[in-house]
Protein backbone atom coordinates (compact mmCIF):
# COMPACT_ATOMS: atom_id res chain seq x y z
CA MET A 1 121.34 72.86 195.09
CA GLU A 2 118.32 74.21 196.64
CA ALA A 3 118.04 76.87 193.62
CA GLU A 4 117.63 73.86 191.04
CA HIS A 5 114.43 73.23 192.61
CA VAL A 6 112.70 76.81 192.72
CA ASN A 7 110.10 76.62 189.99
CA ASP A 8 109.97 79.74 187.66
CA ARG A 9 106.76 81.50 188.10
CA GLY A 10 103.63 80.39 186.08
CA THR A 11 105.62 77.67 184.09
CA GLY A 12 106.18 74.83 186.91
CA ARG A 13 109.67 74.39 185.49
CA ALA A 14 112.60 74.20 187.15
CA ALA A 15 114.93 77.45 186.98
CA GLY A 16 117.80 75.24 185.61
CA GLU A 17 115.25 74.09 182.80
CA GLU A 18 114.79 77.54 181.57
CA PRO A 19 117.02 77.72 178.46
CA LEU A 20 115.90 74.43 177.41
CA ALA A 21 112.27 75.16 178.40
CA ALA A 22 112.10 78.38 176.39
CA VAL A 23 113.38 76.92 173.39
CA GLY A 24 111.08 74.15 173.39
CA ASP A 25 108.09 76.39 173.85
CA VAL A 26 109.27 78.45 170.87
CA ILE A 27 109.52 75.03 169.07
CA ASP A 28 106.20 74.09 170.22
CA ARG A 29 104.14 77.58 168.98
CA VAL A 30 106.14 77.57 165.75
CA THR A 31 105.18 73.85 165.05
CA GLY A 32 101.59 74.60 166.34
CA ALA A 33 101.37 78.03 164.35
CA ALA A 34 102.10 76.41 161.15
CA LEU A 35 99.43 73.25 161.65
CA ALA A 36 96.91 75.92 162.56
CA ARG A 37 97.30 77.64 158.70
CA LEU A 38 97.13 74.12 157.20
CA THR A 39 93.83 73.15 159.17
CA GLY A 40 92.11 76.97 159.02
CA GLY A 41 92.77 77.15 162.86
CA LEU A 42 90.96 73.93 163.54
CA SER A 43 92.65 71.58 166.34
CA PRO A 44 93.01 68.06 165.13
CA ALA A 45 93.57 67.10 169.00
CA SER A 46 89.93 68.27 169.48
CA ILE A 47 88.45 66.62 166.77
CA GLY A 48 90.54 63.47 167.25
CA ALA A 49 89.48 63.53 170.91
CA ALA A 50 85.71 63.60 170.09
CA PHE A 51 85.95 60.93 167.58
CA LEU A 52 88.13 58.36 169.79
CA ASP A 53 85.54 59.03 172.66
CA TRP A 54 82.73 58.11 170.24
CA ALA A 55 84.33 55.29 168.53
CA VAL A 56 85.39 53.36 171.75
CA HIS A 57 82.36 53.85 173.57
CA LEU A 58 80.56 52.69 170.10
CA ALA A 59 82.97 49.80 170.09
CA ILE A 60 81.87 48.60 173.66
CA SER A 61 78.21 48.87 172.95
CA PRO A 62 76.83 46.03 171.24
CA GLY A 63 73.33 46.96 171.95
CA ARG A 64 73.93 50.43 170.16
CA GLN A 65 75.58 48.66 167.17
CA LEU A 66 72.63 46.13 167.01
CA GLN A 67 70.07 49.39 167.08
CA LEU A 68 72.08 50.94 164.33
CA ALA A 69 72.11 48.16 161.99
CA ALA A 70 68.55 47.70 162.50
CA ASP A 71 68.26 51.43 161.52
CA ALA A 72 70.21 50.84 158.46
CA ASP A 73 68.09 47.86 157.56
CA ARG A 74 64.77 50.00 157.93
CA GLN A 75 66.38 52.78 155.87
CA THR A 76 67.28 50.53 153.02
CA LEU A 77 63.76 48.95 152.95
CA ARG A 78 62.05 52.49 152.86
CA PHE A 79 64.50 53.33 149.99
CA LEU A 80 63.40 50.35 148.40
CA ASP A 81 59.84 50.49 148.74
CA TYR A 82 59.92 54.32 147.13
CA ALA A 83 62.38 53.04 144.45
CA CYS A 84 59.70 50.49 143.75
CA SER A 85 56.67 52.69 143.79
CA VAL A 86 58.20 55.32 141.57
CA ALA A 87 58.88 52.59 138.72
CA VAL A 88 55.67 51.10 138.85
CA ALA A 89 53.63 54.93 139.54
CA ALA A 90 51.98 57.17 136.83
CA ALA A 91 51.64 59.78 139.41
CA PRO A 92 54.27 61.74 142.04
CA VAL A 93 55.02 59.15 144.88
CA THR A 94 55.12 60.20 148.40
CA PRO A 95 58.86 60.68 149.18
CA ALA A 96 60.31 58.62 151.87
CA ILE A 97 61.96 61.25 153.77
CA ASP A 98 61.46 65.04 153.35
CA PRO A 99 64.69 67.64 153.69
CA LEU A 100 64.82 69.77 156.56
CA PRO A 101 62.98 72.93 156.56
CA GLN A 102 66.70 74.78 156.32
CA ASP A 103 67.91 72.43 153.71
CA ARG A 104 67.04 74.13 150.21
CA ARG A 105 69.22 72.12 148.12
CA PHE A 106 66.62 70.26 146.61
CA THR A 107 63.72 72.20 146.07
CA ASP A 108 63.56 72.47 142.52
CA ALA A 109 61.22 70.60 140.55
CA ASP A 110 63.60 68.77 138.80
CA TRP A 111 65.12 66.71 141.45
CA GLN A 112 61.47 64.76 141.48
CA ALA A 113 62.34 63.43 137.82
CA TRP A 114 63.93 59.78 137.58
CA PRO A 115 67.09 59.12 138.47
CA PHE A 116 67.48 62.25 140.59
CA ASN A 117 64.75 61.80 142.71
CA LEU A 118 66.24 58.36 143.59
CA ILE A 119 69.76 59.83 144.02
CA GLU A 120 68.14 62.42 146.62
CA GLN A 121 66.18 60.34 148.63
CA ALA A 122 69.06 57.96 149.12
CA PHE A 123 71.31 60.72 150.27
CA LEU A 124 68.67 61.95 152.48
CA LEU A 125 67.91 58.72 154.03
CA GLY A 126 71.91 58.13 154.53
CA GLN A 127 72.42 61.67 156.02
CA GLN A 128 69.52 60.57 158.74
CA TRP A 129 71.42 57.43 159.41
CA CYS A 130 74.85 58.92 159.88
CA ASP A 131 73.44 61.80 162.32
CA GLN A 132 71.82 59.08 164.10
CA SER A 133 75.20 57.08 164.70
CA GLY A 134 76.68 59.88 166.37
CA ARG A 135 73.65 60.10 168.79
CA ALA A 136 73.05 58.28 172.33
CA VAL A 137 76.27 56.39 172.32
CA GLY A 138 76.56 55.68 176.04
CA GLY A 139 79.37 57.29 177.93
CA VAL A 140 80.07 59.86 175.33
CA THR A 141 80.35 63.37 176.48
CA PRO A 142 77.88 65.73 175.03
CA ARG A 143 80.31 68.04 173.61
CA HIS A 144 82.01 65.22 171.74
CA GLU A 145 78.69 64.06 170.49
CA GLU A 146 78.00 67.23 169.06
CA MET A 147 81.37 67.82 167.54
CA VAL A 148 80.93 64.01 165.99
CA ARG A 149 77.65 64.75 164.59
CA PHE A 150 78.92 68.29 163.16
CA THR A 151 81.80 67.02 161.52
CA LEU A 152 79.82 64.05 159.80
CA ARG A 153 77.39 66.84 158.63
CA GLN A 154 80.45 68.85 157.34
CA TRP A 155 81.48 65.52 155.31
CA LEU A 156 77.94 64.69 154.11
CA ASP A 157 77.42 68.34 152.82
CA VAL A 158 80.88 67.84 151.11
CA MET A 159 79.52 64.82 149.41
CA ALA A 160 75.90 66.02 148.49
CA PRO A 161 74.65 65.08 145.25
CA SER A 162 73.92 68.70 144.61
CA ASN A 163 77.46 69.57 144.58
CA PHE A 164 78.54 67.66 141.25
CA ILE A 165 77.25 67.64 137.75
CA ALA A 166 76.72 64.05 137.18
CA THR A 167 74.12 64.28 139.89
CA ASN A 168 72.44 67.71 139.92
CA PRO A 169 70.00 67.80 137.35
CA VAL A 170 69.63 71.63 137.56
CA VAL A 171 73.32 72.10 136.70
CA GLN A 172 72.60 69.98 133.71
CA GLN A 173 69.88 71.85 132.82
CA ARG A 174 71.94 75.00 132.87
CA ILE A 175 74.75 73.39 131.09
CA ALA A 176 72.37 72.37 128.10
CA ALA A 177 70.63 76.11 128.22
CA THR A 178 73.98 77.98 127.71
CA GLY A 179 75.68 75.11 125.80
CA GLY A 180 78.50 75.01 128.27
CA GLN A 181 79.14 78.64 128.58
CA CYS A 182 78.18 78.40 132.16
CA LEU A 183 81.16 76.39 133.17
CA VAL A 184 83.38 78.72 131.28
CA ASP A 185 81.76 81.63 133.14
CA GLY A 186 81.60 79.64 136.71
CA ALA A 187 85.60 78.86 135.93
CA ALA A 188 86.18 82.57 135.47
CA ASN A 189 84.39 83.39 138.79
CA PHE A 190 86.59 80.56 140.47
CA VAL A 191 89.80 82.00 139.31
CA ASP A 192 88.95 85.48 140.45
CA ASP A 193 87.91 84.80 143.67
CA LEU A 194 90.94 82.86 143.80
CA ARG A 195 92.88 85.64 142.92
CA ARG A 196 91.17 88.02 145.09
CA ALA A 197 91.80 85.75 148.30
CA TRP A 198 95.11 85.29 147.63
CA SER A 199 96.21 89.06 147.16
CA GLY A 200 93.70 90.00 150.11
CA ASP A 201 91.50 92.20 147.66
CA ARG A 202 87.93 92.42 148.52
CA PRO A 203 85.00 90.22 146.89
CA ALA A 204 83.72 91.15 143.30
CA GLY A 205 81.25 94.02 143.63
CA ALA A 206 82.08 95.19 147.48
CA ASP A 207 83.77 97.93 146.04
CA ALA A 208 80.47 99.65 145.25
CA TYR A 209 79.89 99.68 149.00
CA ARG A 210 82.32 102.06 150.03
CA PRO A 211 82.65 103.67 153.96
CA GLY A 212 81.66 107.39 153.63
CA ILE A 213 80.64 107.34 149.93
CA GLU A 214 77.96 104.65 149.59
CA VAL A 215 77.36 103.36 153.09
CA ALA A 216 78.13 104.76 156.67
CA VAL A 217 76.97 108.15 155.30
CA THR A 218 74.91 109.45 158.25
CA PRO A 219 76.45 113.13 158.74
CA GLY A 220 78.46 113.36 161.77
CA GLU A 221 81.90 114.24 163.09
CA VAL A 222 84.63 112.36 164.90
CA VAL A 223 84.71 114.43 168.25
CA TYR A 224 87.15 112.22 170.33
CA ARG A 225 90.20 109.81 169.21
CA ASN A 226 92.53 107.69 170.75
CA HIS A 227 94.74 104.50 170.10
CA LEU A 228 91.57 102.29 170.34
CA ILE A 229 88.84 104.18 169.23
CA GLU A 230 87.10 107.30 167.44
CA LEU A 231 83.61 108.64 168.80
CA ILE A 232 81.27 109.85 166.02
CA GLN A 233 78.49 112.17 167.03
CA TYR A 234 75.65 112.13 164.38
CA ARG A 235 74.21 115.57 163.50
CA PRO A 236 70.92 116.01 164.82
CA THR A 237 67.91 116.12 162.07
CA THR A 238 64.98 117.36 164.25
CA ALA A 239 64.29 120.50 165.93
CA ALA A 240 64.15 118.90 169.39
CA VAL A 241 65.93 115.90 171.09
CA ARG A 242 65.55 113.65 174.31
CA PRO A 243 68.22 114.83 176.65
CA GLU A 244 69.40 111.18 177.25
CA PRO A 245 72.09 110.56 174.37
CA VAL A 246 72.39 107.37 173.08
CA LEU A 247 75.79 105.63 172.69
CA ILE A 248 76.41 102.52 170.63
CA VAL A 249 79.09 99.99 171.38
CA PRO A 250 79.65 97.85 168.49
CA ALA A 251 81.61 94.63 168.53
CA TRP A 252 85.42 95.07 167.41
CA ILE A 253 85.21 91.72 165.47
CA MET A 254 83.22 93.67 162.82
CA LYS A 255 83.13 97.25 161.62
CA TYR A 256 80.51 99.39 163.27
CA TYR A 257 78.31 100.39 159.98
CA ILE A 258 76.78 97.32 160.06
CA LEU A 259 74.50 99.79 162.20
CA ASP A 260 74.60 102.41 159.40
CA LEU A 261 74.74 100.88 156.03
CA SER A 262 72.81 102.49 153.23
CA PRO A 263 70.49 105.28 153.88
CA ALA A 264 67.67 102.95 153.75
CA ASN A 265 68.72 100.47 156.37
CA SER A 266 70.95 102.53 158.93
CA LEU A 267 69.78 102.23 162.07
CA VAL A 268 71.81 105.34 163.05
CA ARG A 269 69.97 107.36 160.38
CA TRP A 270 66.63 106.16 161.38
CA LEU A 271 67.17 106.61 165.25
CA VAL A 272 68.58 110.26 164.48
CA GLY A 273 65.17 110.93 162.94
CA GLN A 274 63.35 109.56 166.02
CA GLY A 275 64.81 112.51 167.98
CA PHE A 276 67.67 110.80 169.59
CA THR A 277 71.33 112.12 169.87
CA VAL A 278 73.52 109.20 168.82
CA PHE A 279 77.24 108.60 169.51
CA MET A 280 78.90 105.70 167.73
CA VAL A 281 82.37 103.97 168.89
CA SER A 282 84.37 103.27 165.88
CA TRP A 283 87.20 100.75 166.81
CA ARG A 284 90.76 100.81 165.19
CA ASN A 285 91.53 97.84 163.46
CA PRO A 286 94.68 96.49 165.39
CA GLY A 287 97.97 95.10 163.64
CA ARG A 288 100.90 93.17 164.62
CA GLU A 289 102.19 96.05 167.28
CA ASP A 290 99.05 95.69 169.26
CA ARG A 291 99.44 92.39 170.27
CA ASP A 292 99.35 92.95 173.79
CA ILE A 293 96.22 95.15 174.04
CA HIS A 294 94.14 93.63 176.57
CA PHE A 295 90.39 92.95 177.17
CA ASP A 296 89.81 95.63 179.71
CA ASP A 297 91.86 98.22 177.46
CA TYR A 298 88.62 98.06 175.39
CA ARG A 299 86.86 98.81 178.58
CA ARG A 300 89.10 101.48 179.69
CA LEU A 301 89.94 103.29 176.56
CA GLY A 302 86.47 102.22 174.67
CA VAL A 303 83.33 102.57 176.59
CA MET A 304 84.38 104.62 179.70
CA LYS A 305 86.46 107.05 177.49
CA ALA A 306 83.48 107.47 175.42
CA LEU A 307 81.11 107.88 178.06
CA ASP A 308 83.31 110.67 179.48
CA ALA A 309 83.35 112.43 175.98
CA VAL A 310 79.23 111.88 175.52
CA THR A 311 78.36 113.43 179.05
CA ALA A 312 80.93 116.25 178.67
CA ILE A 313 79.60 116.88 175.26
CA THR A 314 75.87 116.88 175.83
CA GLY A 315 75.77 118.19 179.68
CA HIS A 316 73.64 115.27 180.48
CA PRO A 317 74.68 112.55 183.32
CA ALA A 318 72.66 109.96 182.25
CA VAL A 319 73.11 108.12 178.71
CA HIS A 320 71.26 105.22 176.91
CA ALA A 321 74.03 102.64 176.34
CA ALA A 322 73.61 99.92 173.57
CA GLY A 323 76.15 97.17 172.95
CA TYR A 324 76.04 94.91 169.76
CA CYS A 325 77.44 91.07 170.01
CA LEU A 326 80.70 91.30 171.62
CA GLY A 327 80.34 95.05 172.11
CA GLY A 328 77.22 94.25 174.18
CA THR A 329 79.33 91.64 176.43
CA LEU A 330 82.01 94.62 177.01
CA LEU A 331 79.22 96.76 177.83
CA ALA A 332 77.40 94.65 179.93
CA ILE A 333 81.13 93.99 182.07
CA THR A 334 81.29 97.65 182.13
CA ALA A 335 77.88 98.42 183.43
CA ALA A 336 78.36 95.99 186.33
CA THR A 337 81.90 97.50 186.81
CA MET A 338 80.11 100.96 187.17
CA ALA A 339 77.60 99.68 189.33
CA ARG A 340 79.97 98.33 191.59
CA ASP A 341 82.13 101.34 191.87
CA GLY A 342 78.80 103.77 192.42
CA ASP A 343 79.23 105.29 188.67
CA ALA A 344 75.51 106.28 188.20
CA ARG A 345 75.93 107.54 184.40
CA LEU A 346 73.85 104.63 182.54
CA ALA A 347 70.08 105.55 182.02
CA SER A 348 69.59 101.95 180.49
CA MET A 349 71.31 99.22 178.83
CA THR A 350 70.12 97.68 175.57
CA LEU A 351 72.30 94.45 174.26
CA PHE A 352 72.01 93.66 170.77
CA ALA A 353 72.67 89.43 169.95
CA ALA A 354 75.03 89.77 173.13
CA GLN A 355 75.62 86.83 175.24
CA THR A 356 76.75 87.47 179.10
CA GLU A 357 76.52 83.44 179.67
CA PHE A 358 78.64 81.25 177.84
CA SER A 359 77.82 77.49 179.10
CA GLU A 360 75.77 77.35 175.86
CA PRO A 361 77.00 79.12 172.86
CA GLY A 362 75.45 76.97 170.22
CA GLU A 363 77.54 75.26 167.73
CA LEU A 364 80.01 77.89 167.75
CA GLY A 365 81.09 76.26 171.11
CA LEU A 366 82.48 73.64 169.34
CA PHE A 367 85.11 75.34 167.90
CA ILE A 368 86.04 76.83 171.62
CA ASP A 369 87.62 74.30 173.99
CA ALA A 370 90.86 73.98 175.69
CA ALA A 371 92.93 72.51 172.89
CA GLN A 372 91.22 74.33 170.45
CA VAL A 373 92.19 77.77 172.33
CA HIS A 374 95.70 76.48 172.68
CA PHE A 375 95.71 76.36 169.27
CA LEU A 376 94.66 79.29 168.31
CA GLU A 377 97.13 81.12 170.78
CA ASN A 378 99.87 79.56 168.73
CA MET A 379 98.59 80.96 165.60
CA MET A 380 98.03 84.17 167.18
CA TRP A 381 101.46 84.39 168.85
CA ALA A 382 102.90 84.13 165.11
CA GLN A 383 101.24 87.12 163.83
CA GLY A 384 100.13 88.83 166.77
CA TYR A 385 96.48 88.88 165.89
CA LEU A 386 93.55 86.73 164.47
CA ASP A 387 92.56 87.80 161.32
CA SER A 388 88.75 88.05 159.94
CA ARG A 389 89.75 85.44 157.18
CA GLN A 390 90.68 82.97 159.68
CA MET A 391 87.72 83.76 161.84
CA GLY A 392 85.35 83.42 158.92
CA GLY A 393 86.24 79.74 158.40
CA ALA A 394 84.41 78.80 161.39
CA PHE A 395 81.26 80.85 160.68
CA GLN A 396 81.12 79.49 157.11
CA MET A 397 81.19 75.59 158.48
CA LEU A 398 78.20 76.79 160.73
CA ARG A 399 76.19 77.43 157.56
CA SER A 400 78.06 75.91 154.86
CA ASN A 401 75.23 74.75 152.56
CA ASP A 402 74.36 78.53 152.19
CA LEU A 403 77.77 80.23 152.91
CA LEU A 404 79.99 77.69 151.00
CA TRP A 405 78.26 75.29 148.61
CA SER A 406 75.56 77.36 147.50
CA ARG A 407 78.23 79.57 146.14
CA VAL A 408 79.93 76.60 144.44
CA ILE A 409 76.99 75.47 142.75
CA HIS A 410 75.76 78.73 141.82
CA GLY A 411 79.28 80.66 141.19
CA TYR A 412 81.50 78.09 139.72
CA LEU A 413 78.89 75.16 138.22
CA MET A 414 76.17 77.79 136.78
CA GLY A 415 78.26 80.51 136.24
CA GLU A 416 75.80 82.83 138.13
CA ALA A 417 77.82 85.83 139.82
CA GLU A 418 76.11 86.15 143.08
CA PRO A 419 74.72 89.65 143.14
CA MET A 420 76.56 91.86 145.77
CA ASN A 421 74.71 94.08 148.37
CA ASP A 422 75.60 96.22 151.34
CA LEU A 423 75.64 93.83 154.12
CA MET A 424 77.85 91.30 152.08
CA ALA A 425 80.13 93.92 151.22
CA TRP A 426 80.18 94.94 155.19
CA ASN A 427 80.73 91.09 155.86
CA ALA A 428 83.82 91.04 153.66
CA ASP A 429 85.65 94.30 155.51
CA GLY A 430 86.95 92.47 158.41
CA THR A 431 88.85 93.07 161.02
CA ARG A 432 91.70 91.77 163.30
CA LEU A 433 91.53 90.91 167.13
CA PRO A 434 94.42 91.42 169.27
CA GLN A 435 96.53 88.20 170.61
CA ALA A 436 96.14 89.11 174.25
CA MET A 437 92.41 90.48 173.99
CA HIS A 438 91.06 87.49 171.99
CA SER A 439 93.19 84.73 174.37
CA GLU A 440 91.45 86.45 177.73
CA TYR A 441 88.14 86.59 175.69
CA LEU A 442 88.15 82.89 174.97
CA ARG A 443 89.69 81.68 178.58
CA ARG A 444 87.44 83.88 180.83
CA LEU A 445 84.42 84.31 179.38
CA PHE A 446 83.82 81.17 176.80
CA LEU A 447 85.86 78.53 178.74
CA ASP A 448 85.66 79.69 182.31
CA ASP A 449 82.37 81.38 182.23
CA ASP A 450 83.89 83.67 184.75
CA LEU A 451 81.31 86.39 184.15
CA ALA A 452 78.33 84.35 184.88
CA GLU A 453 79.73 82.52 187.81
CA GLY A 454 81.28 85.41 189.80
CA ARG A 455 84.74 85.03 189.30
CA TYR A 456 85.19 87.94 186.64
CA GLN A 457 87.75 90.40 187.89
CA VAL A 458 88.01 94.09 186.74
CA ASP A 459 91.06 96.47 188.46
CA GLY A 460 91.62 93.18 190.87
CA ARG A 461 88.19 93.00 192.06
CA THR A 462 85.09 91.00 191.39
CA ILE A 463 82.19 92.00 189.52
CA ALA A 464 78.64 90.86 189.51
CA LEU A 465 76.06 91.62 186.48
CA ASN A 466 73.31 91.30 189.34
CA ASP A 467 74.55 94.76 190.60
CA ILE A 468 73.04 96.35 187.31
CA ARG A 469 70.13 98.23 188.14
CA VAL A 470 69.11 100.01 185.23
CA PRO A 471 66.55 98.68 182.88
CA ILE A 472 67.65 96.18 180.30
CA PHE A 473 66.34 95.89 176.71
CA ALA A 474 67.87 92.68 175.36
CA VAL A 475 67.61 91.46 171.47
CA GLY A 476 67.94 87.74 170.38
CA THR A 477 67.25 86.60 166.94
CA GLU A 478 65.60 83.38 165.86
CA TRP A 479 68.41 81.77 163.60
CA ASP A 480 71.57 83.26 165.12
CA HIS A 481 74.53 80.95 165.20
CA VAL A 482 76.83 83.41 166.89
CA ALA A 483 74.79 84.34 169.70
CA PRO A 484 71.84 81.94 170.05
CA TRP A 485 68.86 83.73 171.64
CA ARG A 486 68.46 81.33 173.90
CA SER A 487 71.93 82.14 175.28
CA VAL A 488 71.00 85.74 175.07
CA PHE A 489 68.08 85.11 177.06
CA LYS A 490 70.05 83.99 180.10
CA ILE A 491 70.23 87.93 180.99
CA HIS A 492 67.13 87.02 182.83
CA LEU A 493 69.16 84.93 185.42
CA LEU A 494 72.12 87.13 185.92
CA THR A 495 70.48 90.24 186.69
CA ASP A 496 67.92 91.47 189.33
CA THR A 497 66.32 94.59 187.27
CA GLU A 498 63.54 95.18 184.63
CA VAL A 499 64.54 93.10 181.38
CA THR A 500 62.59 93.63 177.95
CA PHE A 501 63.32 90.41 176.17
CA LEU A 502 62.70 90.81 172.21
CA LEU A 503 63.27 87.85 169.74
CA ALA A 504 63.65 89.30 166.19
CA SER A 505 63.33 87.16 162.92
CA GLY A 506 66.54 86.52 161.11
CA GLY A 507 70.03 85.98 161.96
CA HIS A 508 72.74 87.52 163.98
CA ASN A 509 73.29 90.46 161.17
CA ALA A 510 69.97 90.54 159.36
CA GLY A 511 67.74 90.11 162.45
CA ILE A 512 69.39 93.53 163.79
CA VAL A 513 69.29 95.33 160.57
CA SER A 514 65.72 95.20 160.39
CA GLU A 515 64.37 98.60 159.08
CA PRO A 516 60.54 99.60 159.22
CA GLY A 517 59.31 98.41 155.50
CA HIS A 518 61.59 95.40 155.25
CA PRO A 519 59.02 92.75 154.37
CA GLY A 520 58.79 89.16 156.14
CA ARG A 521 59.89 90.87 159.59
CA HIS A 522 58.21 89.74 162.86
CA PHE A 523 59.06 89.87 166.53
CA ARG A 524 58.05 89.09 169.88
CA VAL A 525 58.50 90.91 172.94
CA MET A 526 57.77 91.03 176.60
CA THR A 527 58.75 93.03 179.76
CA HIS A 528 59.85 91.01 182.69
CA PRO A 529 59.89 92.93 185.89
CA ALA A 530 62.41 92.40 188.46
CA THR A 531 59.89 91.43 191.11
CA ARG A 532 58.61 88.41 188.71
CA GLY A 533 59.64 84.84 189.04
CA HIS A 534 61.67 83.02 186.51
CA LEU A 535 60.49 82.18 183.07
CA ASP A 536 62.38 79.84 180.94
CA PRO A 537 62.91 80.55 177.06
CA GLU A 538 60.11 78.18 175.81
CA GLY A 539 57.72 79.60 178.37
CA TRP A 540 58.52 83.03 177.30
CA GLN A 541 58.12 82.23 173.71
CA ALA A 542 54.40 80.76 174.56
CA VAL A 543 53.13 83.85 176.20
CA ALA A 544 55.40 86.82 174.49
CA ARG A 545 53.36 88.92 172.30
CA GLY A 546 53.95 88.68 168.73
CA GLN A 547 54.07 91.55 166.11
CA GLU A 548 54.73 91.66 162.44
CA GLY A 549 57.07 94.36 161.13
CA SER A 550 60.56 95.68 162.29
CA TRP A 551 61.52 95.70 165.88
CA TRP A 552 63.38 99.27 165.63
CA PRO A 553 60.37 101.22 166.60
CA THR A 554 59.05 99.19 169.64
CA TRP A 555 63.03 99.66 170.92
CA ALA A 556 62.48 103.81 170.33
CA ALA A 557 59.62 103.55 172.17
CA TRP A 558 61.27 101.76 175.15
CA LEU A 559 64.00 104.50 174.92
CA ASP A 560 61.47 107.24 175.00
CA GLU A 561 59.72 105.91 177.92
CA ARG A 562 62.86 106.21 179.94
CA SER A 563 63.90 109.62 178.55
CA ALA A 564 63.00 113.59 179.60
CA GLN A 565 61.08 115.78 177.68
CA PRO A 566 62.74 116.72 174.26
CA GLY A 567 64.92 119.97 174.02
CA PRO A 568 67.28 121.82 171.66
CA PRO A 569 70.01 119.79 170.50
CA PRO A 570 73.39 119.53 171.67
CA SER A 571 76.39 121.13 169.82
CA ILE A 572 78.64 119.07 167.77
CA GLY A 573 81.65 118.22 170.01
CA LYS A 574 82.89 120.56 172.99
CA PRO A 575 85.96 122.18 171.90
CA GLU A 576 86.57 123.87 175.60
CA ALA A 577 86.39 120.39 177.19
CA GLY A 578 88.85 118.89 174.71
CA TYR A 579 86.36 117.36 172.19
CA GLY A 580 86.11 119.59 169.40
CA PRO A 581 85.19 117.90 165.91
CA ILE A 582 88.48 116.40 164.19
CA GLU A 583 87.00 115.51 160.83
CA PRO A 584 83.75 114.12 159.08
CA ALA A 585 82.41 110.79 159.59
CA PRO A 586 83.16 108.00 159.10
CA GLY A 587 86.69 108.95 160.28
CA GLN A 588 89.78 107.12 159.67
CA TYR A 589 89.75 103.92 161.82
CA VAL A 590 86.84 102.34 159.66
CA LEU A 591 88.91 102.59 156.54
CA SER A 592 91.75 100.40 157.49
CA ARG A 593 92.13 97.24 156.55
């Protein structure tokens, strides 16, 4: 009888309930996975809870209701005043409301003609009121408030007058100018996109940017391979190189050649040309059979194995390590583990748009809560991984006007095929994330923030970022929707070492791929010694030195200051140590789809 009350470890269920519990768990997972496919991976429970929280608190807040009613009356009067002014004035009338700076939907002069100017103003005023309705409702949690406002914004983006032929003067002009041919071309574009999405083919034009042929062409050799990585060593182009090699750890949510695109904008090629010996980790694209690869496997089989190979090949005991996005987070975890264990092989650490503290991850955090993670875990359980297309839906919603509705308007209504470039082709060359790894990442880092709060364990022992003593160069980007720069900036709070922080123009990808000569680039940079007091992001922004142009030379100069005198370049690989050249770059793993 006592055995019936013994809980099954980790489930909280009685041992006698195990058969039914297992069946029920499978049923729940299958149901959750099917629902996740229908909703694009978004949990209806998360969204429903947010709107319920908002609606209930708004219902018991008559004062807030009165304010919103008064705001609606004011917006209506502003619109009527504008409409009357337009009706009687011969000259252009000052609008009642201007679009937000990042809103480029109504920039064409045709929107200022009647009646489209009234349509635009009515929409913008209504959009402003809807956003206000989601704000400042007493008792609603900040997260639920942001989710409500975000969801309302998505619906408003769907209903924007720019998306419909009847209310978009620019589309109407295009139809008139082409005799309707643009609609025929747009329909063909739509059918082609639908076919490619159904078959899993790359977007039109992407095949003009093939790794190893048009992109990822910096000369080098794969010098090490295991189940998870290929390590590429690039051939030197200078007679002398710094003795400290540079090891780059990209994110495995993307393919490494974001940093080795076309020759003109390849960070790798540029860095080799500055006299650095460069190594790159190329991650394997996992499949269903890799569902049980854990987050720590990426540290052990990835960064640590790469460090072993780099130091053996170059013969130098210290390495400049750089990590991008999730690769930077992994590099920070690795550096803290090495510091704890007395491993002194890092000369410096560079983080490109990489978070180490996840309490304020920006709008991306709206897609990550307990219900959402549970939802994603069901979907990953069914297939063994999270696919890049399933991840891409969330990123598209963060910038739906630029990434989704702009394509609808230009590609399908105006029949203008969007020209492909190397960055767009790379973005379409997606990867997968193993089930176990991604679940651990979301729960331990995003949900629980274990790394920043001192609970993150490696090999059964806790690590701390403030054990890191090597100098840090951290790069944030101004318009980053994946790793907001103020979140990246928190590396200052988590470490007790010198931090040089650089804020670059652009977003998560274009802000990093910022080669010298690229027009319109600028950045701010400042070094914060370990002994100086705290400076918040706004205070830093006010005093950091601003410069025009690419930030790459500033980083190279920072590396140079922390390197010894140049000498002869090392050999490509080291066969006697087990690291002989295997095949030319870019290797095999980057070609897997």
